[in-house]
């Protein structure tokens, strides 16, 4: 399912995709339980960490990548729970097949990587993590 910038942010992923998962399996890990919970959260109320978790799990990529890119365009080093730029790292790990199907979004992601490079090596508190640099290089191939 493709999505446009005018997706209703009051809807949950389950509503947007019209795909209801039900409850997580009894033996589900904390991560899997979190993914199930996040599918019930309105996308407009998801924070950076929510987006990071879902995208690292390759969940609802068509819906969430444009939202994540909007955050990254405002702050290329948007941070979830781990390090400055962890959302960008999650976005850049999306499959090449996705980027080939969405060249407009690839251009947006590429512009964000250029913005990170322009920031350079900031001080210890805001410097892009080595993983961010590695993922930028992998994204560019």
Protein backbone atom coordinates (compact mmCIF):
# COMPACT_ATOMS: atom_id res chain seq x y z
CA UNK A 1 0.00 0.00 0.00
CA UNK A 2 1.39 3.38 -0.94
CA UNK A 3 0.75 6.33 1.31
CA UNK A 4 0.61 10.03 0.75
CA UNK A 5 1.63 12.89 3.01
CA UNK A 6 -2.03 13.45 3.84
CA UNK A 7 -2.49 10.18 5.72
CA UNK A 8 -4.86 10.71 8.65
CA UNK A 9 -2.52 10.78 11.64
CA UNK A 10 -5.35 9.98 14.04
CA UNK A 11 -5.46 6.45 12.59
CA UNK A 12 -3.45 3.48 13.78
CA UNK A 13 -1.37 1.24 11.54
CA UNK A 14 -4.02 -1.44 11.91
CA UNK A 15 -6.68 0.97 10.68
CA UNK A 16 -4.59 2.34 7.81
CA UNK A 17 -3.57 -1.10 6.60
CA UNK A 18 -6.87 -2.75 7.52
CA UNK A 19 -4.89 -5.63 8.93
CA UNK A 20 -5.59 -6.64 12.53
CA UNK A 21 -3.02 -8.84 14.19
CA UNK A 22 -4.90 -9.60 17.37
CA UNK A 23 -2.89 -10.24 20.53
CA UNK A 24 0.81 -11.10 20.50
CA UNK A 25 1.72 -14.76 20.98
CA UNK A 26 1.99 -15.83 24.60
CA UNK A 27 5.73 -16.45 24.22
CA UNK A 28 6.41 -13.18 22.36
CA UNK A 29 9.52 -11.22 23.24
CA UNK A 30 9.26 -7.74 24.70
CA UNK A 31 10.16 -6.33 21.28
CA UNK A 32 7.38 -8.24 19.52
CA UNK A 33 4.88 -7.17 22.20
CA UNK A 34 5.98 -3.58 21.66
CA UNK A 35 5.43 -3.87 17.89
CA UNK A 36 1.92 -5.23 18.49
CA UNK A 37 1.19 -2.36 20.90
CA UNK A 38 2.51 0.26 18.50
CA UNK A 39 0.20 -0.98 15.76
CA UNK A 40 -2.67 0.24 17.99
CA UNK A 41 -1.19 3.72 18.54
CA UNK A 42 -2.30 6.61 16.31
CA UNK A 43 0.57 7.34 13.93
CA UNK A 44 0.42 11.06 14.74
CA UNK A 45 1.26 10.33 18.37
CA UNK A 46 4.23 8.06 17.63
CA UNK A 47 7.53 9.44 18.84
CA UNK A 48 10.99 8.98 17.34
CA UNK A 49 11.59 5.79 19.32
CA UNK A 50 8.30 4.27 18.15
CA UNK A 51 9.24 4.94 14.53
CA UNK A 52 12.75 3.60 15.08
CA UNK A 53 11.49 0.33 16.59
CA UNK A 54 8.91 -0.29 13.88
CA UNK A 55 11.26 0.54 11.01
CA UNK A 56 14.04 -1.66 12.36
CA UNK A 57 11.48 -4.46 12.32
CA UNK A 58 10.61 -3.51 8.71
CA UNK A 59 7.04 -2.97 9.87
CA UNK A 60 4.60 -0.75 7.93
CA UNK A 61 7.45 0.74 5.94
CA UNK A 62 5.19 2.30 3.28
CA UNK A 63 3.32 4.25 5.94
CA UNK A 64 6.18 5.10 8.29
CA UNK A 65 9.14 6.01 6.06
CA UNK A 66 7.53 9.25 4.81
CA UNK A 67 6.73 10.22 8.42
CA UNK A 68 10.27 9.40 9.56
CA UNK A 69 11.73 11.40 6.66
CA UNK A 70 9.69 14.43 7.68
CA UNK A 71 11.18 14.20 11.19
CA UNK A 72 14.67 13.75 9.76
CA UNK A 73 14.32 16.71 7.43
CA UNK A 74 13.63 18.83 10.52
CA UNK A 75 16.37 17.17 12.58
CA UNK A 76 18.75 14.83 10.70
CA UNK A 77 20.01 13.41 14.00
CA UNK A 78 16.58 12.79 15.54
CA UNK A 79 17.16 10.45 18.45
CA UNK A 80 15.17 7.57 19.89
CA UNK A 81 16.48 5.77 22.95
CA UNK A 82 20.00 5.02 21.77
CA UNK A 83 22.05 7.76 20.08
CA UNK A 84 21.72 10.89 17.93
CA UNK A 85 20.84 9.67 14.45
CA UNK A 86 19.35 6.31 15.46
CA UNK A 87 16.16 7.07 13.50
CA UNK A 88 18.22 7.82 10.39
CA UNK A 89 20.08 4.54 10.86
CA UNK A 90 16.74 2.68 10.97
CA UNK A 91 15.49 4.45 7.84
CA UNK A 92 18.69 3.76 5.91
CA UNK A 93 18.44 0.05 6.73
CA UNK A 94 15.24 -0.22 4.68
CA UNK A 95 15.74 -2.56 1.72
CA UNK A 96 17.14 -1.30 -1.57
CA UNK A 97 14.02 -2.71 -3.24
CA UNK A 98 11.91 -0.22 -1.28
CA UNK A 99 14.11 2.71 -2.30
CA UNK A 100 14.00 1.62 -5.95
CA UNK A 101 10.19 1.66 -5.80
CA UNK A 102 10.15 5.08 -4.08
CA UNK A 103 12.77 7.28 -5.79
CA UNK A 104 11.21 10.45 -4.36
CA UNK A 105 11.72 9.15 -0.83
CA UNK A 106 15.24 7.97 -1.70
CA UNK A 107 16.06 11.52 -2.78
CA UNK A 108 14.69 12.82 0.53
CA UNK A 109 16.78 10.29 2.48
CA UNK A 110 19.84 11.18 0.45
CA UNK A 111 19.31 14.88 1.22
CA UNK A 112 19.17 14.03 4.93
CA UNK A 113 22.49 12.14 4.69
CA UNK A 114 24.01 15.20 3.00
CA UNK A 115 22.70 17.36 5.85
CA UNK A 116 24.37 15.04 8.39
CA UNK A 117 27.65 15.29 6.51
CA UNK A 118 27.35 19.07 6.54
CA UNK A 119 27.05 18.92 10.33
CA UNK A 120 30.41 17.16 10.43
CA UNK A 121 31.84 15.84 13.65
CA UNK A 122 30.07 17.81 16.32
CA UNK A 123 31.02 17.75 19.99
CA UNK A 124 30.70 14.57 22.05
CA UNK A 125 27.09 15.27 22.93
CA UNK A 126 25.73 15.77 19.43
CA UNK A 127 28.17 13.93 17.19
CA UNK A 128 26.71 11.39 14.82
CA UNK A 129 27.47 7.90 16.08
CA UNK A 130 29.89 5.74 14.06
CA UNK A 131 26.94 3.50 13.20
CA UNK A 132 25.25 6.48 11.52
CA UNK A 133 28.30 7.07 9.32
CA UNK A 134 28.52 3.36 8.48
CA UNK A 135 24.86 3.25 7.50
CA UNK A 136 25.17 6.40 5.36
CA UNK A 137 28.03 4.78 3.43
CA UNK A 138 26.10 1.50 3.07
CA UNK A 139 23.00 3.40 1.85
CA UNK A 140 25.00 5.17 -0.81
CA UNK A 141 26.60 1.88 -1.86
